[in-house]
N, C-alpha and C. Protein backbone atom coordinates (compact mmCIF):
# COMPACT_ATOMS: atom_id res chain seq x y z
N UNK A 1 104.35 107.65 106.42
CA UNK A 1 105.08 107.54 106.25
C UNK A 1 105.88 106.92 107.40
N UNK A 2 105.54 107.10 108.45
CA UNK A 2 105.52 107.22 109.65
C UNK A 2 104.83 106.20 110.27
N UNK A 3 105.04 105.00 110.09
CA UNK A 3 104.24 104.23 110.30
C UNK A 3 105.09 102.76 110.30
N UNK A 4 104.85 101.80 111.00
CA UNK A 4 105.50 100.17 111.39
C UNK A 4 105.56 99.56 109.93
N UNK A 5 104.51 99.89 109.48
CA UNK A 5 104.11 98.64 108.21
C UNK A 5 103.55 99.47 107.52
N UNK A 6 104.32 99.52 106.04
CA UNK A 6 103.48 100.26 104.75
C UNK A 6 103.14 99.59 104.12
N UNK A 7 101.72 99.17 103.60
CA UNK A 7 100.91 98.23 102.75
C UNK A 7 100.21 99.12 102.34
N UNK A 8 100.40 98.73 100.39
CA UNK A 8 99.01 100.14 99.92
C UNK A 8 98.49 98.99 99.08
N UNK A 9 97.39 99.95 98.48
CA UNK A 9 96.40 98.94 97.59
C UNK A 9 96.85 99.06 96.14
N UNK A 10 96.88 98.43 95.60
CA UNK A 10 97.69 98.51 94.31
C UNK A 10 96.92 99.72 93.49
N UNK A 11 96.12 100.11 93.91
CA UNK A 11 95.45 101.03 93.33
C UNK A 11 96.42 102.97 93.94
N UNK A 12 96.93 102.69 95.19
CA UNK A 12 97.38 104.27 95.43
C UNK A 12 98.23 104.91 94.76
N UNK A 13 98.05 105.83 95.22
CA UNK A 13 99.50 106.75 94.81
C UNK A 13 100.26 107.53 95.57
N UNK A 14 101.65 107.77 95.60
CA UNK A 14 101.96 107.93 96.73
C UNK A 14 102.68 110.07 96.01
N UNK A 15 102.67 110.55 96.92
CA UNK A 15 104.07 112.01 96.00
C UNK A 15 104.20 112.89 97.39
N UNK A 16 104.72 113.51 96.96
CA UNK A 16 105.10 114.68 98.31
C UNK A 16 104.77 115.77 97.43
N UNK A 17 103.59 116.72 97.48
CA UNK A 17 102.88 117.88 96.47
C UNK A 17 103.13 119.25 97.00
N UNK A 18 103.54 119.40 97.77
CA UNK A 18 104.15 120.14 98.45
C UNK A 18 104.32 121.95 97.56
N UNK A 19 105.13 121.02 96.73
CA UNK A 19 106.27 122.37 96.13
C UNK A 19 105.27 122.55 94.99
N UNK A 20 103.80 121.85 95.05
CA UNK A 20 102.96 122.38 93.32
C UNK A 20 102.01 123.40 94.05
N UNK A 21 101.90 123.00 96.08
CA UNK A 21 101.26 124.18 96.17
C UNK A 21 101.74 125.77 96.84
N UNK A 22 103.05 125.40 96.61
CA UNK A 22 103.68 126.73 96.61
C UNK A 22 104.57 126.61 98.58
N UNK A 23 104.20 125.20 98.78
CA UNK A 23 104.58 125.11 100.18
C UNK A 23 105.95 124.63 100.39
N UNK A 24 106.62 124.63 101.11
CA UNK A 24 107.47 123.99 102.30
C UNK A 24 107.12 122.09 102.24
N UNK A 25 107.97 121.32 101.75
CA UNK A 25 107.18 119.82 102.11
C UNK A 25 107.98 120.07 104.13
N UNK A 26 106.61 119.04 104.33
CA UNK A 26 106.16 118.96 105.96
C UNK A 26 105.95 117.50 106.54
N UNK A 27 105.58 117.67 107.38
CA UNK A 27 104.68 116.56 107.79
C UNK A 27 105.36 115.39 108.00
N UNK A 28 106.85 115.39 108.12
CA UNK A 28 108.09 114.46 107.79
C UNK A 28 108.40 114.08 106.83
N UNK A 29 107.88 114.23 105.93
CA UNK A 29 108.27 113.72 104.51
C UNK A 29 109.25 114.65 104.20
N UNK A 30 110.19 115.36 103.90
CA UNK A 30 111.47 116.15 104.16
C UNK A 30 112.62 115.47 104.94
N UNK A 31 111.52 114.83 106.08
CA UNK A 31 112.88 114.02 107.27
C UNK A 31 112.90 112.69 107.31
N UNK A 32 111.53 112.20 106.90
CA UNK A 32 111.59 110.33 106.76
C UNK A 32 111.77 109.91 105.39
N UNK A 33 111.25 110.37 104.14
CA UNK A 33 111.49 110.02 102.82
C UNK A 33 112.85 109.59 102.41
N UNK A 34 113.86 110.76 102.78
CA UNK A 34 115.12 109.45 102.51
C UNK A 34 115.35 109.02 103.29
N UNK A 35 115.24 108.35 104.82
CA UNK A 35 115.75 107.54 104.96
C UNK A 35 115.16 106.87 104.85
N UNK A 36 114.11 106.67 104.30
CA UNK A 36 112.90 105.34 103.59
C UNK A 36 113.79 105.13 102.26
N UNK A 37 113.83 105.85 101.13
CA UNK A 37 113.92 105.48 99.53
C UNK A 37 115.17 106.10 99.01
N UNK A 38 116.51 106.90 100.13
CA UNK A 38 117.33 107.35 99.78
C UNK A 38 117.72 108.44 99.64
N UNK A 39 118.20 109.69 99.58
CA UNK A 39 118.74 110.36 98.90
C UNK A 39 118.26 111.37 97.78
N UNK A 40 118.37 110.21 97.09
CA UNK A 40 118.67 111.06 95.55
C UNK A 40 116.91 110.81 95.34
N UNK A 41 116.59 109.49 95.02
CA UNK A 41 114.87 109.95 95.16
C UNK A 41 113.93 110.64 95.46
N UNK A 42 114.69 110.34 97.33
CA UNK A 42 113.56 111.54 97.77
C UNK A 42 113.41 112.91 97.44
N UNK A 43 114.71 113.65 97.13
CA UNK A 43 114.92 114.62 96.62
C UNK A 43 114.69 115.07 94.82
N UNK A 44 114.53 114.20 94.32
CA UNK A 44 113.91 114.09 92.86
C UNK A 44 112.25 113.98 93.25
N UNK A 45 110.87 113.57 94.38
CA UNK A 45 110.03 113.73 94.75
C UNK A 45 109.56 114.69 95.54
N UNK A 46 110.03 115.32 96.00
CA UNK A 46 109.87 116.34 96.54
C UNK A 46 110.59 117.36 95.94
N UNK A 47 110.58 118.13 94.64
CA UNK A 47 111.51 119.13 93.92
C UNK A 47 110.04 118.79 93.48
N UNK A 48 110.56 117.51 92.68
CA UNK A 48 109.19 118.33 91.32
C UNK A 48 107.76 117.61 91.53
N UNK A 49 107.33 116.75 92.71
CA UNK A 49 106.00 117.04 93.34
C UNK A 49 105.57 115.64 92.70
N UNK A 50 106.06 114.87 91.51
CA UNK A 50 105.53 114.39 90.76
C UNK A 50 104.96 112.99 92.01
N UNK A 51 103.90 112.57 91.68
CA UNK A 51 102.71 110.88 92.14
C UNK A 51 103.41 110.02 91.47
N UNK A 52 103.68 108.65 92.01
CA UNK A 52 103.61 107.63 91.91
C UNK A 52 103.60 106.76 91.90
N UNK A 53 102.80 105.12 91.64
CA UNK A 53 101.99 104.65 91.60
C UNK A 53 102.51 103.72 92.69
N UNK A 54 101.82 102.19 92.80
CA UNK A 54 101.67 101.20 94.43
C UNK A 54 103.07 100.74 93.63
N UNK A 55 102.91 99.54 92.37
CA UNK A 55 104.48 99.72 91.97
C UNK A 55 105.78 99.96 91.78
N UNK A 56 105.56 101.49 91.66
CA UNK A 56 106.75 102.18 91.99
C UNK A 56 107.16 102.30 92.91
N UNK A 57 106.40 102.58 94.19
CA UNK A 57 106.82 103.20 95.35
C UNK A 57 107.57 101.77 96.13
N UNK A 58 106.72 100.48 95.54
CA UNK A 58 107.01 99.00 96.22
C UNK A 58 108.54 99.06 95.21
N UNK A 59 108.62 99.35 94.01
CA UNK A 59 110.27 98.79 94.30
C UNK A 59 111.10 100.15 94.44
N UNK A 60 111.05 101.25 95.12
CA UNK A 60 111.64 101.99 95.82
C UNK A 60 111.45 101.79 96.75
N UNK A 61 110.76 101.08 97.68
CA UNK A 61 111.23 100.60 98.93
C UNK A 61 109.85 101.55 100.00
N UNK A 62 109.14 102.45 99.25
CA UNK A 62 108.47 102.99 100.12
C UNK A 62 107.77 102.42 100.06
N UNK A 63 107.32 101.43 100.11
CA UNK A 63 106.13 100.44 101.13
C UNK A 63 106.71 98.83 100.79
N UNK A 64 105.89 98.03 101.48
CA UNK A 64 106.65 96.72 102.27
C UNK A 64 105.71 95.52 101.00
N UNK A 65 104.71 95.89 100.12
CA UNK A 65 103.87 95.00 99.80
C UNK A 65 102.48 95.77 98.93
N UNK A 66 102.25 94.89 98.17
CA UNK A 66 100.94 95.47 97.29
C UNK A 66 99.43 94.24 97.63
N UNK A 67 98.64 94.75 97.62
CA UNK A 67 96.99 94.14 98.03
C UNK A 67 96.46 94.19 97.37
N UNK A 68 95.89 93.42 96.65
CA UNK A 68 94.17 93.60 95.72
C UNK A 68 93.17 93.83 96.68
N UNK A 69 92.98 93.26 97.58
CA UNK A 69 92.12 93.07 98.76
C UNK A 69 92.65 93.77 99.50
N UNK A 70 92.71 94.83 99.86
CA UNK A 70 93.84 94.84 101.41
C UNK A 70 93.19 95.42 102.49
N UNK A 71 91.74 95.74 101.98
CA UNK A 71 91.26 95.61 104.23
C UNK A 71 91.19 94.24 104.45
N UNK A 72 91.09 93.08 103.65
CA UNK A 72 91.19 91.62 104.30
C UNK A 72 92.33 91.13 105.19
N UNK A 73 93.65 91.55 103.84
CA UNK A 73 94.90 91.12 104.73
C UNK A 73 94.98 92.21 105.86
N UNK A 74 94.93 93.11 105.50
CA UNK A 74 95.01 94.35 106.95
C UNK A 74 94.19 93.52 108.40
N UNK A 75 92.98 93.14 107.79
CA UNK A 75 92.60 92.18 109.00
C UNK A 75 92.53 91.31 109.34
N UNK A 76 93.18 90.64 108.37
CA UNK A 76 94.36 88.89 108.73
C UNK A 76 95.64 89.96 109.99
N UNK A 77 96.58 90.56 108.99
CA UNK A 77 98.14 91.32 109.62
C UNK A 77 97.72 91.58 111.15
N UNK A 78 96.57 91.92 110.77
CA UNK A 78 95.85 92.90 112.60
C UNK A 78 95.43 91.66 113.68
N UNK A 79 95.00 90.99 113.00
CA UNK A 79 94.62 89.93 114.12
C UNK A 79 95.91 88.69 114.26
N UNK A 80 96.64 88.51 113.28
CA UNK A 80 97.43 88.10 113.31
C UNK A 80 98.69 88.28 115.22
N UNK A 81 98.82 90.15 114.95
CA UNK A 81 99.65 90.82 115.86
C UNK A 81 99.12 90.58 116.76
N UNK A 82 97.97 90.69 117.12
CA UNK A 82 96.68 90.20 118.50
C UNK A 82 96.89 89.53 119.17
N UNK A 83 97.26 88.37 118.15
CA UNK A 83 97.48 87.75 118.85
C UNK A 83 99.02 87.08 119.28
N UNK A 84 100.04 87.13 118.70
CA UNK A 84 101.32 87.26 118.50
C UNK A 84 101.35 88.16 120.16
N UNK A 85 100.40 89.38 120.62
CA UNK A 85 100.32 90.52 121.99
C UNK A 85 99.24 89.72 123.11
N UNK A 86 98.46 89.31 122.31
CA UNK A 86 98.27 88.25 123.92
C UNK A 86 98.67 87.24 124.04
N UNK A 87 99.55 86.59 124.00
CA UNK A 87 100.24 85.67 124.17
C UNK A 87 101.60 85.87 124.39
N UNK A 88 102.51 87.20 124.31
CA UNK A 88 103.28 87.50 124.85
C UNK A 88 103.46 87.86 126.49
N UNK A 89 104.48 87.24 127.16
CA UNK A 89 104.53 87.72 128.97
C UNK A 89 105.34 88.74 128.71
N UNK A 90 104.89 89.94 129.18
CA UNK A 90 105.42 91.16 129.35
C UNK A 90 105.49 90.88 130.44
N UNK A 91 105.80 90.08 131.62
CA UNK A 91 106.30 90.45 133.14
C UNK A 91 107.63 90.03 133.12
N UNK A 92 108.95 90.15 132.29
CA UNK A 92 109.45 90.58 132.40
C UNK A 92 110.15 91.35 131.62
N UNK A 93 109.31 91.61 131.50
CA UNK A 93 110.01 93.50 130.85
C UNK A 93 110.65 94.22 131.64
N UNK A 94 111.73 94.51 130.75
CA UNK A 94 112.60 95.80 131.88
C UNK A 94 111.76 97.10 132.22
N UNK A 95 110.86 97.66 131.72
CA UNK A 95 110.11 99.05 132.23
C UNK A 95 109.10 98.37 132.87
N UNK A 96 108.57 98.85 134.19
CA UNK A 96 107.27 98.43 134.37
C UNK A 96 106.57 99.08 134.12
N UNK A 97 105.43 98.27 134.01
CA UNK A 97 103.55 98.44 133.05
C UNK A 97 102.98 98.56 134.46
N UNK A 98 102.99 98.88 135.32
CA UNK A 98 101.69 99.19 136.27
C UNK A 98 102.59 100.35 137.17
N UNK A 99 101.57 101.09 137.48
CA UNK A 99 101.61 102.31 138.29
C UNK A 99 102.46 102.35 139.70
N UNK A 100 103.43 103.07 139.94
CA UNK A 100 103.76 102.89 140.72
C UNK A 100 103.60 103.09 142.14
N UNK A 101 103.39 102.65 143.80
CA UNK A 101 102.78 102.08 144.61
C UNK A 101 103.42 102.90 145.32
N UNK A 102 102.57 103.44 146.19
CA UNK A 102 101.70 104.32 146.56
C UNK A 102 101.78 104.91 145.08
N UNK A 103 100.85 105.77 144.79
CA UNK A 103 100.60 106.44 143.39
C UNK A 103 100.71 107.89 144.26
N UNK A 104 101.54 109.43 143.58
CA UNK A 104 101.87 110.62 143.55
C UNK A 104 100.26 111.22 144.68
N UNK A 105 99.96 111.95 145.11
CA UNK A 105 99.23 112.09 146.44
C UNK A 105 98.33 112.84 144.77
N UNK A 106 98.52 114.01 143.68
CA UNK A 106 97.48 114.50 143.00
C UNK A 106 97.26 113.54 142.47
N UNK A 107 97.79 112.36 141.88
CA UNK A 107 96.88 111.14 140.98
C UNK A 107 96.02 110.66 141.80
N UNK A 108 95.74 110.31 142.88
CA UNK A 108 95.09 109.77 144.00
C UNK A 108 93.27 110.49 143.80
N UNK A 109 92.27 109.39 143.95
CA UNK A 109 91.32 109.47 143.97
C UNK A 109 90.91 111.48 144.91
N UNK A 110 91.39 111.42 145.77
CA UNK A 110 90.73 112.66 146.88
C UNK A 110 91.85 114.11 146.00
N UNK A 111 92.74 114.07 145.11
CA UNK A 111 93.38 114.61 144.36
C UNK A 111 94.29 115.85 145.24
N UNK A 112 95.36 114.73 146.50
CA UNK A 112 96.21 115.17 147.21
C UNK A 112 96.15 115.72 148.18
N UNK A 113 93.90 115.77 148.66
CA UNK A 113 93.26 116.75 149.32
C UNK A 113 93.55 116.11 150.35
N UNK A 114 94.00 115.33 151.16
CA UNK A 114 93.63 114.19 152.48
C UNK A 114 93.47 113.52 152.21
């Protein structure tokens, strides 16, 4: 759930099944799920341990798309993102993208020993 893009195969299933294992929901599901799909549906999934299919996940907003050929779509999406980053000008970034000069003595090749 902690992903920038959530795209699922048509055959995917989703669920917070911790309750069926006798465990407290973990791994961010209890925090992130209500923020993604709303408190009522998240509570239902967390407390019942119910699995939902990819179409239901799409309907409630858990994923943003369904792909029958997920790997081909993923490859083209990643390629498009890489092209976008490759052509972006990062020199005007408000944060420095290089190490400070000169580096801290402990980070120098001699380890700060002269």
